[in-house]
């Protein structure tokens, strides 16, 4: 993740599968203010592609998608729209 990005909220969705990874991420993001950053931790590999694509379709920005260990990835999202 870029060093100049401050995460405002983090959710751990390990054990969750699509589409719940997107739905739960979206619900948390809806409670956040525009400009805030959400870090989502997933271990379901399809979510690594599906969540960012769906968030971009919703008008949000993807700050980072990356593997953080052998089993888990982070998806960092900046809220751009309500």
PDB file of N, CA and C in Angstrom:
ATOM      1  N   UNK A   1       0.849  -1.173   0.000  1.00  0.00           N
ATOM      2  CA  UNK A   1       0.000   0.000   0.000  1.00  0.00           C
ATOM      3  C   UNK A   1       0.894   1.235   0.000  1.00  0.00           C
ATOM      4  N   UNK A   2       0.503   2.272  -0.737  1.00  0.00           N
ATOM      5  CA  UNK A   2       1.303   3.498  -0.748  1.00  0.00           C
ATOM      6  C   UNK A   2       1.473   4.075   0.657  1.00  0.00           C
ATOM      7  N   UNK A   3       2.674   4.559   0.946  1.00  0.00           N
ATOM      8  CA  UNK A   3       2.989   5.051   2.287  1.00  0.00           C
ATOM      9  C   UNK A   3       2.183   6.291   2.663  1.00  0.00           C
ATOM     10  N   UNK A   4       1.744   7.065   1.676  1.00  0.00           N
ATOM     11  CA  UNK A   4       1.033   8.312   1.962  1.00  0.00           C
ATOM     12  C   UNK A   4      -0.473   8.116   2.134  1.00  0.00           C
ATOM     13  N   UNK A   5      -0.939   6.882   2.166  1.00  0.00           N
ATOM     14  CA  UNK A   5      -2.366   6.597   2.323  1.00  0.00           C
ATOM     15  C   UNK A   5      -2.658   6.234   3.775  1.00  0.00           C
ATOM     16  N   UNK A   6      -3.632   6.920   4.350  1.00  0.00           N
ATOM     17  CA  UNK A   6      -4.071   6.626   5.711  1.00  0.00           C
ATOM     18  C   UNK A   6      -5.377   5.843   5.647  1.00  0.00           C
ATOM     19  N   UNK A   7      -5.384   4.685   6.268  1.00  0.00           N
ATOM     20  CA  UNK A   7      -6.589   3.849   6.298  1.00  0.00           C
ATOM     21  C   UNK A   7      -7.484   4.332   7.436  1.00  0.00           C
ATOM     22  N   UNK A   8      -8.744   4.618   7.115  1.00  0.00           N
ATOM     23  CA  UNK A   8      -9.704   5.083   8.114  1.00  0.00           C
ATOM     24  C   UNK A   8     -10.456   3.935   8.778  1.00  0.00           C
ATOM     25  N   UNK A   9     -10.633   2.846   8.046  1.00  0.00           N
ATOM     26  CA  UNK A   9     -11.354   1.693   8.592  1.00  0.00           C
ATOM     27  C   UNK A   9     -10.830   0.440   7.910  1.00  0.00           C
ATOM     28  N   UNK A  10     -10.826  -0.663   8.660  1.00  0.00           N
ATOM     29  CA  UNK A  10     -10.384  -1.942   8.115  1.00  0.00           C
ATOM     30  C   UNK A  10     -11.399  -3.011   8.478  1.00  0.00           C
ATOM     31  N   UNK A  11     -11.701  -3.880   7.513  1.00  0.00           N
ATOM     32  CA  UNK A  11     -12.565  -5.027   7.793  1.00  0.00           C
ATOM     33  C   UNK A  11     -11.867  -6.299   7.330  1.00  0.00           C
ATOM     34  N   UNK A  12     -12.039  -7.339   8.104  1.00  0.00           N
ATOM     35  CA  UNK A  12     -11.453  -8.635   7.809  1.00  0.00           C
ATOM     36  C   UNK A  12     -12.569  -9.547   7.311  1.00  0.00           C
ATOM     37  N   UNK A  13     -12.503  -9.895   6.029  1.00  0.00           N
ATOM     38  CA  UNK A  13     -13.523 -10.750   5.430  1.00  0.00           C
ATOM     39  C   UNK A  13     -12.972 -12.127   5.089  1.00  0.00           C
ATOM     40  N   UNK A  14     -11.941 -12.540   5.806  1.00  0.00           N
ATOM     41  CA  UNK A  14     -11.406 -13.882   5.595  1.00  0.00           C
ATOM     42  C   UNK A  14     -12.498 -14.894   5.924  1.00  0.00           C
ATOM     43  N   UNK A  15     -12.635 -15.882   5.057  1.00  0.00           N
ATOM     44  CA  UNK A  15     -13.680 -16.880   5.228  1.00  0.00           C
ATOM     45  C   UNK A  15     -14.949 -16.555   4.458  1.00  0.00           C
ATOM     46  N   UNK A  16     -15.085 -15.304   3.988  1.00  0.00           N
ATOM     47  CA  UNK A  16     -16.253 -14.903   3.195  1.00  0.00           C
ATOM     48  C   UNK A  16     -15.967 -15.153   1.716  1.00  0.00           C
ATOM     49  N   UNK A  17     -17.009 -15.422   0.945  1.00  0.00           N
ATOM     50  CA  UNK A  17     -16.869 -15.649  -0.489  1.00  0.00           C
ATOM     51  C   UNK A  17     -17.715 -14.633  -1.254  1.00  0.00           C
ATOM     52  N   UNK A  18     -17.453 -14.522  -2.549  1.00  0.00           N
ATOM     53  CA  UNK A  18     -18.240 -13.646  -3.410  1.00  0.00           C
ATOM     54  C   UNK A  18     -19.669 -14.191  -3.490  1.00  0.00           C
ATOM     55  N   UNK A  19     -20.676 -13.352  -3.536  1.00  0.00           N
ATOM     56  CA  UNK A  19     -20.636 -11.903  -3.606  1.00  0.00           C
ATOM     57  C   UNK A  19     -20.608 -11.208  -2.249  1.00  0.00           C
ATOM     58  N   UNK A  20     -20.537 -11.974  -1.169  1.00  0.00           N
ATOM     59  CA  UNK A  20     -20.603 -11.373   0.164  1.00  0.00           C
ATOM     60  C   UNK A  20     -19.419 -10.457   0.455  1.00  0.00           C
ATOM     61  N   UNK A  21     -18.270 -10.748  -0.145  1.00  0.00           N
ATOM     62  CA  UNK A  21     -17.111  -9.879   0.074  1.00  0.00           C
ATOM     63  C   UNK A  21     -17.410  -8.472  -0.435  1.00  0.00           C
ATOM     64  N   UNK A  22     -18.031  -8.366  -1.600  1.00  0.00           N
ATOM     65  CA  UNK A  22     -18.390  -7.054  -2.137  1.00  0.00           C
ATOM     66  C   UNK A  22     -19.516  -6.422  -1.333  1.00  0.00           C
ATOM     67  N   UNK A  23     -20.553  -7.186  -1.054  1.00  0.00           N
ATOM     68  CA  UNK A  23     -21.718  -6.644  -0.344  1.00  0.00           C
ATOM     69  C   UNK A  23     -21.309  -6.092   1.018  1.00  0.00           C
ATOM     70  N   UNK A  24     -20.542  -6.847   1.770  1.00  0.00           N
ATOM     71  CA  UNK A  24     -20.133  -6.388   3.103  1.00  0.00           C
ATOM     72  C   UNK A  24     -19.208  -5.179   3.007  1.00  0.00           C
ATOM     73  N   UNK A  25     -18.316  -5.172   2.014  1.00  0.00           N
ATOM     74  CA  UNK A  25     -17.437  -4.016   1.815  1.00  0.00           C
ATOM     75  C   UNK A  25     -18.253  -2.777   1.474  1.00  0.00           C
ATOM     76  N   UNK A  26     -19.225  -2.941   0.599  1.00  0.00           N
ATOM     77  CA  UNK A  26     -20.068  -1.818   0.188  1.00  0.00           C
ATOM     78  C   UNK A  26     -20.856  -1.261   1.367  1.00  0.00           C
ATOM     79  N   UNK A  27     -21.402  -2.129   2.205  1.00  0.00           N
ATOM     80  CA  UNK A  27     -22.166  -1.667   3.367  1.00  0.00           C
ATOM     81  C   UNK A  27     -21.298  -0.849   4.318  1.00  0.00           C
ATOM     82  N   UNK A  28     -20.069  -1.277   4.542  1.00  0.00           N
ATOM     83  CA  UNK A  28     -19.160  -0.517   5.406  1.00  0.00           C
ATOM     84  C   UNK A  28     -18.819   0.816   4.749  1.00  0.00           C
ATOM     85  N   UNK A  29     -18.528   0.802   3.455  1.00  0.00           N
ATOM     86  CA  UNK A  29     -18.167   2.026   2.741  1.00  0.00           C
ATOM     87  C   UNK A  29     -19.312   3.037   2.768  1.00  0.00           C
ATOM     88  N   UNK A  30     -20.552   2.567   2.722  1.00  0.00           N
ATOM     89  CA  UNK A  30     -21.708   3.466   2.761  1.00  0.00           C
ATOM     90  C   UNK A  30     -21.761   4.268   4.051  1.00  0.00           C
ATOM     91  N   UNK A  31     -21.213   3.742   5.129  1.00  0.00           N
ATOM     92  CA  UNK A  31     -21.209   4.438   6.419  1.00  0.00           C
ATOM     93  C   UNK A  31     -20.047   5.427   6.546  1.00  0.00           C
ATOM     94  N   UNK A  32     -19.143   5.415   5.578  1.00  0.00           N
ATOM     95  CA  UNK A  32     -17.953   6.263   5.643  1.00  0.00           C
ATOM     96  C   UNK A  32     -18.184   7.555   4.865  1.00  0.00           C
ATOM     97  N   UNK A  33     -17.323   8.550   5.118  1.00  0.00           N
ATOM     98  CA  UNK A  33     -17.401   9.833   4.427  1.00  0.00           C
ATOM     99  C   UNK A  33     -16.607   9.789   3.131  1.00  0.00           C
ATOM    100  N   UNK A  34     -17.002  10.632   2.176  1.00  0.00           N
ATOM    101  CA  UNK A  34     -16.256  10.747   0.922  1.00  0.00           C
ATOM    102  C   UNK A  34     -14.816  11.140   1.247  1.00  0.00           C
ATOM    103  N   UNK A  35     -13.882  10.476   0.586  1.00  0.00           N
ATOM    104  CA  UNK A  35     -12.459  10.721   0.800  1.00  0.00           C
ATOM    105  C   UNK A  35     -11.818   9.760   1.782  1.00  0.00           C
ATOM    106  N   UNK A  36     -12.635   9.079   2.581  1.00  0.00           N
ATOM    107  CA  UNK A  36     -12.070   8.124   3.532  1.00  0.00           C
ATOM    108  C   UNK A  36     -11.650   6.846   2.814  1.00  0.00           C
ATOM    109  N   UNK A  37     -10.760   6.094   3.478  1.00  0.00           N
ATOM    110  CA  UNK A  37     -10.151   4.906   2.882  1.00  0.00           C
ATOM    111  C   UNK A  37     -10.503   3.672   3.708  1.00  0.00           C
ATOM    112  N   UNK A  38     -10.942   2.634   2.999  1.00  0.00           N
ATOM    113  CA  UNK A  38     -11.295   1.351   3.602  1.00  0.00           C
ATOM    114  C   UNK A  38     -10.298   0.296   3.145  1.00  0.00           C
ATOM    115  N   UNK A  39      -9.771  -0.464   4.097  1.00  0.00           N
ATOM    116  CA  UNK A  39      -8.888  -1.597   3.784  1.00  0.00           C
ATOM    117  C   UNK A  39      -9.667  -2.875   4.059  1.00  0.00           C
ATOM    118  N   UNK A  40      -9.776  -3.716   3.038  1.00  0.00           N
ATOM    119  CA  UNK A  40     -10.512  -4.973   3.125  1.00  0.00           C
ATOM    120  C   UNK A  40      -9.508  -6.117   3.019  1.00  0.00           C
ATOM    121  N   UNK A  41      -9.555  -7.047   3.961  1.00  0.00           N
ATOM    122  CA  UNK A  41      -8.696  -8.230   3.936  1.00  0.00           C
ATOM    123  C   UNK A  41      -9.550  -9.419   3.502  1.00  0.00           C
ATOM    124  N   UNK A  42      -9.100 -10.127   2.462  1.00  0.00           N
ATOM    125  CA  UNK A  42      -9.830 -11.290   1.952  1.00  0.00           C
ATOM    126  C   UNK A  42      -8.880 -12.470   1.771  1.00  0.00           C
ATOM    127  N   UNK A  43      -9.458 -13.670   1.793  1.00  0.00           N
ATOM    128  CA  UNK A  43      -8.680 -14.870   1.480  1.00  0.00           C
ATOM    129  C   UNK A  43      -9.336 -15.680   0.363  1.00  0.00           C
ATOM    130  N   UNK A  44     -10.389 -15.136  -0.207  1.00  0.00           N
ATOM    131  CA  UNK A  44     -11.108 -15.772  -1.318  1.00  0.00           C
ATOM    132  C   UNK A  44     -10.581 -15.149  -2.607  1.00  0.00           C
ATOM    133  N   UNK A  45      -9.753 -15.898  -3.343  1.00  0.00           N
ATOM    134  CA  UNK A  45      -9.035 -15.327  -4.482  1.00  0.00           C
ATOM    135  C   UNK A  45      -9.924 -14.632  -5.517  1.00  0.00           C
ATOM    136  N   UNK A  46     -11.108 -15.151  -5.872  1.00  0.00           N
ATOM    137  CA  UNK A  46     -11.949 -14.423  -6.825  1.00  0.00           C
ATOM    138  C   UNK A  46     -12.311 -13.007  -6.359  1.00  0.00           C
ATOM    139  N   UNK A  47     -12.371 -12.788  -5.059  1.00  0.00           N
ATOM    140  CA  UNK A  47     -12.696 -11.455  -4.533  1.00  0.00           C
ATOM    141  C   UNK A  47     -11.634 -10.427  -4.892  1.00  0.00           C
ATOM    142  N   UNK A  48     -10.407 -10.885  -5.113  1.00  0.00           N
ATOM    143  CA  UNK A  48      -9.303  -9.974  -5.448  1.00  0.00           C
ATOM    144  C   UNK A  48      -9.596  -9.250  -6.760  1.00  0.00           C
ATOM    145  N   UNK A  49     -10.311  -9.877  -7.665  1.00  0.00           N
ATOM    146  CA  UNK A  49     -10.708  -9.238  -8.922  1.00  0.00           C
ATOM    147  C   UNK A  49     -12.115  -8.667  -8.850  1.00  0.00           C
ATOM    148  N   UNK A  50     -13.019  -9.400  -8.215  1.00  0.00           N
ATOM    149  CA  UNK A  50     -14.430  -9.005  -8.217  1.00  0.00           C
ATOM    150  C   UNK A  50     -14.716  -7.756  -7.393  1.00  0.00           C
ATOM    151  N   UNK A  51     -14.142  -7.658  -6.203  1.00  0.00           N
ATOM    152  CA  UNK A  51     -14.424  -6.499  -5.345  1.00  0.00           C
ATOM    153  C   UNK A  51     -13.915  -5.204  -5.986  1.00  0.00           C
ATOM    154  N   UNK A  52     -12.657  -5.128  -6.435  1.00  0.00           N
ATOM    155  CA  UNK A  52     -12.206  -3.883  -7.073  1.00  0.00           C
ATOM    156  C   UNK A  52     -13.036  -3.508  -8.304  1.00  0.00           C
ATOM    157  N   UNK A  53     -13.349  -4.481  -9.148  1.00  0.00           N
ATOM    158  CA  UNK A  53     -14.138  -4.196 -10.350  1.00  0.00           C
ATOM    159  C   UNK A  53     -15.514  -3.642  -9.970  1.00  0.00           C
ATOM    160  N   UNK A  54     -16.160  -4.277  -9.011  1.00  0.00           N
ATOM    161  CA  UNK A  54     -17.486  -3.822  -8.587  1.00  0.00           C
ATOM    162  C   UNK A  54     -17.422  -2.450  -7.934  1.00  0.00           C
ATOM    163  N   UNK A  55     -16.394  -2.196  -7.138  1.00  0.00           N
ATOM    164  CA  UNK A  55     -16.246  -0.885  -6.500  1.00  0.00           C
ATOM    165  C   UNK A  55     -16.017   0.209  -7.541  1.00  0.00           C
ATOM    166  N   UNK A  56     -15.195  -0.069  -8.543  1.00  0.00           N
ATOM    167  CA  UNK A  56     -14.986   0.915  -9.607  1.00  0.00           C
ATOM    168  C   UNK A  56     -16.280   1.165 -10.370  1.00  0.00           C
ATOM    169  N   UNK A  57     -17.071   0.127 -10.593  1.00  0.00           N
ATOM    170  CA  UNK A  57     -18.373   0.299 -11.246  1.00  0.00           C
ATOM    171  C   UNK A  57     -19.306   1.175 -10.424  1.00  0.00           C
ATOM    172  N   UNK A  58     -19.092   1.206  -9.105  1.00  0.00           N
ATOM    173  CA  UNK A  58     -19.887   2.043  -8.200  1.00  0.00           C
ATOM    174  C   UNK A  58     -19.326   3.467  -8.102  1.00  0.00           C
ATOM    175  N   UNK A  59     -18.196   3.730  -8.767  1.00  0.00           N
ATOM    176  CA  UNK A  59     -17.608   5.068  -8.753  1.00  0.00           C
ATOM    177  C   UNK A  59     -16.540   5.285  -7.703  1.00  0.00           C
ATOM    178  N   UNK A  60     -16.114   4.223  -7.029  1.00  0.00           N
ATOM    179  CA  UNK A  60     -15.073   4.343  -5.996  1.00  0.00           C
ATOM    180  C   UNK A  60     -13.688   4.152  -6.630  1.00  0.00           C
ATOM    181  N   UNK A  61     -12.644   4.582  -5.923  1.00  0.00           N
ATOM    182  CA  UNK A  61     -11.270   4.445  -6.403  1.00  0.00           C
ATOM    183  C   UNK A  61     -10.576   3.297  -5.692  1.00  0.00           C
ATOM    184  N   UNK A  62      -9.809   2.536  -6.444  1.00  0.00           N
ATOM    185  CA  UNK A  62      -9.002   1.468  -5.869  1.00  0.00           C
ATOM    186  C   UNK A  62      -7.595   2.015  -5.671  1.00  0.00           C
ATOM    187  N   UNK A  63      -7.164   2.077  -4.420  1.00  0.00           N
ATOM    188  CA  UNK A  63      -5.842   2.593  -4.067  1.00  0.00           C
ATOM    189  C   UNK A  63      -4.792   1.509  -4.236  1.00  0.00           C
ATOM    190  N   UNK A  64      -5.133   0.285  -3.825  1.00  0.00           N
ATOM    191  CA  UNK A  64      -4.167  -0.805  -3.882  1.00  0.00           C
ATOM    192  C   UNK A  64      -4.882  -2.149  -3.808  1.00  0.00           C
ATOM    193  N   UNK A  65      -4.325  -3.106  -4.516  1.00  0.00           N
ATOM    194  CA  UNK A  65      -4.710  -4.510  -4.378  1.00  0.00           C
ATOM    195  C   UNK A  65      -3.404  -5.274  -4.306  1.00  0.00           C
ATOM    196  N   UNK A  66      -3.204  -6.030  -3.240  1.00  0.00           N
ATOM    197  CA  UNK A  66      -1.946  -6.742  -3.119  1.00  0.00           C
ATOM    198  C   UNK A  66      -2.016  -7.909  -2.164  1.00  0.00           C
ATOM    199  N   UNK A  67      -1.136  -8.854  -2.398  1.00  0.00           N
ATOM    200  CA  UNK A  67      -1.027 -10.033  -1.541  1.00  0.00           C
ATOM    201  C   UNK A  67      -0.243  -9.636  -0.297  1.00  0.00           C
ATOM    202  N   UNK A  68      -0.762  -9.966   0.884  1.00  0.00           N
ATOM    203  CA  UNK A  68      -0.077  -9.577   2.118  1.00  0.00           C
ATOM    204  C   UNK A  68       0.598 -10.751   2.809  1.00  0.00           C
ATOM    205  N   UNK A  69       0.224 -11.969   2.426  1.00  0.00           N
ATOM    206  CA  UNK A  69       0.922 -13.176   2.879  1.00  0.00           C
ATOM    207  C   UNK A  69       0.507 -14.315   1.953  1.00  0.00           C
ATOM    208  N   UNK A  70       0.850 -15.539   2.284  1.00  0.00           N
ATOM    209  CA  UNK A  70       0.567 -16.665   1.390  1.00  0.00           C
ATOM    210  C   UNK A  70      -0.918 -16.875   1.121  1.00  0.00           C
ATOM    211  N   UNK A  71      -1.774 -16.471   2.041  1.00  0.00           N
ATOM    212  CA  UNK A  71      -3.204 -16.767   1.929  1.00  0.00           C
ATOM    213  C   UNK A  71      -4.111 -15.553   1.767  1.00  0.00           C
ATOM    214  N   UNK A  72      -3.625 -14.361   2.073  1.00  0.00           N
ATOM    215  CA  UNK A  72      -4.496 -13.195   2.181  1.00  0.00           C
ATOM    216  C   UNK A  72      -4.079 -12.067   1.244  1.00  0.00           C
ATOM    217  N   UNK A  73      -5.086 -11.260   0.867  1.00  0.00           N
ATOM    218  CA  UNK A  73      -4.875 -10.077   0.050  1.00  0.00           C
ATOM    219  C   UNK A  73      -5.517  -8.884   0.744  1.00  0.00           C
ATOM    220  N   UNK A  74      -5.027  -7.691   0.383  1.00  0.00           N
ATOM    221  CA  UNK A  74      -5.685  -6.466   0.819  1.00  0.00           C
ATOM    222  C   UNK A  74      -6.240  -5.759  -0.406  1.00  0.00           C
ATOM    223  N   UNK A  75      -7.391  -5.163  -0.214  1.00  0.00           N
ATOM    224  CA  UNK A  75      -8.009  -4.307  -1.217  1.00  0.00           C
ATOM    225  C   UNK A  75      -8.248  -2.980  -0.510  1.00  0.00           C
ATOM    226  N   UNK A  76      -7.634  -1.923  -1.013  1.00  0.00           N
ATOM    227  CA  UNK A  76      -7.742  -0.610  -0.378  1.00  0.00           C
ATOM    228  C   UNK A  76      -8.569   0.284  -1.298  1.00  0.00           C
ATOM    229  N   UNK A  77      -9.643   0.819  -0.738  1.00  0.00           N
ATOM    230  CA  UNK A  77     -10.647   1.552  -1.512  1.00  0.00           C
ATOM    231  C   UNK A  77     -10.817   2.951  -0.934  1.00  0.00           C
ATOM    232  N   UNK A  78     -10.818   3.962  -1.808  1.00  0.00           N
ATOM    233  CA  UNK A  78     -11.137   5.331  -1.377  1.00  0.00           C
ATOM    234  C   UNK A  78     -12.564   5.639  -1.819  1.00  0.00           C
ATOM    235  N   UNK A  79     -13.372   6.108  -0.885  1.00  0.00           N
ATOM    236  CA  UNK A  79     -14.759   6.459  -1.198  1.00  0.00           C
ATOM    237  C   UNK A  79     -14.773   7.771  -1.971  1.00  0.00           C
ATOM    238  N   UNK A  80     -15.347   7.730  -3.164  1.00  0.00           N
ATOM    239  CA  UNK A  80     -15.417   8.904  -4.037  1.00  0.00           C
ATOM    240  C   UNK A  80     -16.840   9.427  -4.195  1.00  0.00           C
ATOM    241  N   UNK A  81     -17.818   8.538  -4.044  1.00  0.00           N
ATOM    242  CA  UNK A  81     -19.219   8.928  -4.240  1.00  0.00           C
ATOM    243  C   UNK A  81     -20.093   8.279  -3.176  1.00  0.00           C
ATOM    244  N   UNK A  82     -21.262   8.845  -2.994  1.00  0.00           N
ATOM    245  CA  UNK A  82     -22.242   8.265  -2.055  1.00  0.00           C
ATOM    246  C   UNK A  82     -22.925   7.075  -2.677  1.00  0.00           C
TER     247      UNK A  82
END
